[in-house]
C-alpha atoms as a PDB file:
ATOM      1  CA  MET A   1     -52.645  23.079 -20.693  1.00  0.00           C
ATOM      2  CA  THR A   2     -53.835  20.567 -18.682  1.00  0.00           C
ATOM      3  CA  TYR A   3     -52.254  16.826 -19.140  1.00  0.00           C
ATOM      4  CA  GLU A   4     -56.179  15.776 -20.042  1.00  0.00           C
ATOM      5  CA  GLN A   5     -56.159  18.402 -22.452  1.00  0.00           C
ATOM      6  CA  GLU A   6     -53.161  18.102 -24.108  1.00  0.00           C
ATOM      7  CA  LYS A   7     -54.142  13.961 -24.280  1.00  0.00           C
ATOM      8  CA  HIS A   8     -57.422  15.109 -26.217  1.00  0.00           C
ATOM      9  CA  LEU A   9     -55.840  17.374 -27.872  1.00  0.00           C
ATOM     10  CA  LEU A  10     -53.235  14.957 -29.289  1.00  0.00           C
ATOM     11  CA  SER A  11     -55.807  12.112 -30.152  1.00  0.00           C
ATOM     12  CA  ILE A  12     -58.206  14.925 -31.927  1.00  0.00           C
ATOM     13  CA  LYS A  13     -55.003  15.768 -34.253  1.00  0.00           C
ATOM     14  CA  GLN A  14     -54.021  11.950 -34.629  1.00  0.00           C
ATOM     15  CA  THR A  15     -57.355  11.197 -35.554  1.00  0.00           C
ATOM     16  CA  LEU A  16     -57.738  14.093 -38.353  1.00  0.00           C
ATOM     17  CA  ASP A  17     -54.251  12.798 -40.013  1.00  0.00           C
ATOM     18  CA  ILE A  18     -55.918   9.553 -40.325  1.00  0.00           C
ATOM     19  CA  LEU A  19     -59.331  10.580 -41.846  1.00  0.00           C
ATOM     20  CA  VAL A  20     -57.044  13.643 -43.635  1.00  0.00           C
ATOM     21  CA  ASP A  21     -54.766  11.106 -45.678  1.00  0.00           C
ATOM     22  CA  GLY A  22     -57.833   8.612 -46.435  1.00  0.00           C
ATOM     23  CA  LYS A  23     -60.087  11.391 -47.481  1.00  0.00           C
ATOM     24  CA  TYR A  24     -57.414  12.568 -49.919  1.00  0.00           C
ATOM     25  CA  ARG A  25     -56.317   9.380 -51.225  1.00  0.00           C
ATOM     26  CA  GLN A  26     -60.050   8.556 -51.993  1.00  0.00           C
ATOM     27  CA  GLY A  27     -60.871  11.949 -53.491  1.00  0.00           C
ATOM     28  CA  GLN A  28     -57.156  11.153 -56.109  1.00  0.00           C
ATOM     29  CA  GLN A  29     -58.780   7.831 -56.958  1.00  0.00           C
ATOM     30  CA  GLU A  30     -62.595   9.205 -58.190  1.00  0.00           C
ATOM     31  CA  HIS A  31     -60.949  12.046 -59.637  1.00  0.00           C
ATOM     32  CA  GLY A  32     -57.345  12.278 -60.270  1.00  0.00           C
ATOM     33  CA  GLY A  33     -55.495  15.070 -61.654  1.00  0.00           C
ATOM     34  CA  ASN A  34     -53.938  17.748 -58.781  1.00  0.00           C
ATOM     35  CA  LEU A  35     -56.138  19.256 -56.505  1.00  0.00           C
ATOM     36  CA  PHE A  36     -53.904  22.005 -56.558  1.00  0.00           C
ATOM     37  CA  GLU A  37     -53.774  22.796 -59.682  1.00  0.00           C
ATOM     38  CA  MET A  38     -58.076  22.773 -59.826  1.00  0.00           C
ATOM     39  CA  ASN A  39     -59.754  25.433 -61.655  1.00  0.00           C
ATOM     40  CA  ILE A  40     -60.258  28.164 -58.833  1.00  0.00           C
ATOM     41  CA  GLU A  41     -63.668  28.529 -59.875  1.00  0.00           C
ATOM     42  CA  LYS A  42     -64.149  24.863 -59.388  1.00  0.00           C
ATOM     43  CA  LEU A  43     -62.598  24.566 -56.350  1.00  0.00           C
ATOM     44  CA  LEU A  44     -64.921  27.010 -54.930  1.00  0.00           C
ATOM     45  CA  ASP A  45     -67.617  25.785 -56.050  1.00  0.00           C
ATOM     46  CA  ASN A  46     -66.724  22.393 -55.057  1.00  0.00           C
ATOM     47  CA  ALA A  47     -66.271  23.878 -51.616  1.00  0.00           C
ATOM     48  CA  ILE A  48     -69.421  25.572 -50.970  1.00  0.00           C
ATOM     49  CA  ASN A  49     -71.241  22.529 -51.853  1.00  0.00           C
ATOM     50  CA  GLU A  50     -69.358  20.873 -49.181  1.00  0.00           C
ATOM     51  CA  ALA A  51     -70.001  23.454 -47.053  1.00  0.00           C
ATOM     52  CA  ILE A  52     -73.527  23.128 -47.628  1.00  0.00           C
ATOM     53  CA  ASP A  53     -73.576  19.775 -47.143  1.00  0.00           C
ATOM     54  CA  GLN A  54     -71.725  19.381 -43.624  1.00  0.00           C
ATOM     55  CA  VAL A  55     -74.431  21.927 -42.567  1.00  0.00           C
ATOM     56  CA  VAL A  56     -77.180  19.785 -43.807  1.00  0.00           C
ATOM     57  CA  TYR A  57     -76.007  17.031 -42.149  1.00  0.00           C
ATOM     58  CA  LEU A  58     -75.311  18.698 -38.923  1.00  0.00           C
ATOM     59  CA  LEU A  59     -79.066  19.839 -38.757  1.00  0.00           C
ATOM     60  CA  THR A  60     -80.244  16.633 -39.396  1.00  0.00           C
ATOM     61  CA  ILE A  61     -78.347  15.164 -36.557  1.00  0.00           C
ATOM     62  CA  ARG A  62     -80.255  18.018 -34.488  1.00  0.00           C
ATOM     63  CA  GLN A  63     -83.018  16.920 -35.617  1.00  0.00           C
ATOM     64  CA  GLN A  64     -82.694  13.537 -34.849  1.00  0.00           C
ATOM     65  CA  LEU A  65     -81.239  13.785 -31.194  1.00  0.00           C
ATOM     66  CA  GLU A  66     -84.166  15.832 -30.147  1.00  0.00           C
ATOM     67  CA  ARG A  67     -86.057  13.632 -31.602  1.00  0.00           C
ATOM     68  CA  SER A  68     -84.493  10.977 -29.433  1.00  0.00           C
ATOM     69  CA  GLY A  69     -85.117  12.792 -26.689  1.00  0.00           C
ATOM     70  CA  LYS A  70     -81.311  13.310 -25.694  1.00  0.00           C
ATOM     71  CA  ASP A  71     -80.247  16.725 -24.129  1.00  0.00           C
ATOM     72  CA  ARG A  72     -77.801  18.600 -26.514  1.00  0.00           C
ATOM     73  CA  GLU A  73     -74.788  19.995 -24.068  1.00  0.00           C
ATOM     74  CA  GLY A  74     -73.202  23.284 -24.263  1.00  0.00           C
END
């Protein structure tokens, strides 16, 4: 990979580390308990709901970009 690609990857990894740490701690404060001991059915249901939320957010962003007249790349 090029230097620029390595630099870009590093910035993504650093940002992800910060975001994961904050989100995990927030979840612990809000819900308590151990995520790694959560009932697997409840964990699966929560994961599916999070995935649905993500798609809703992404489709809403797309709609807002289309309404604003901005072109999407890719």
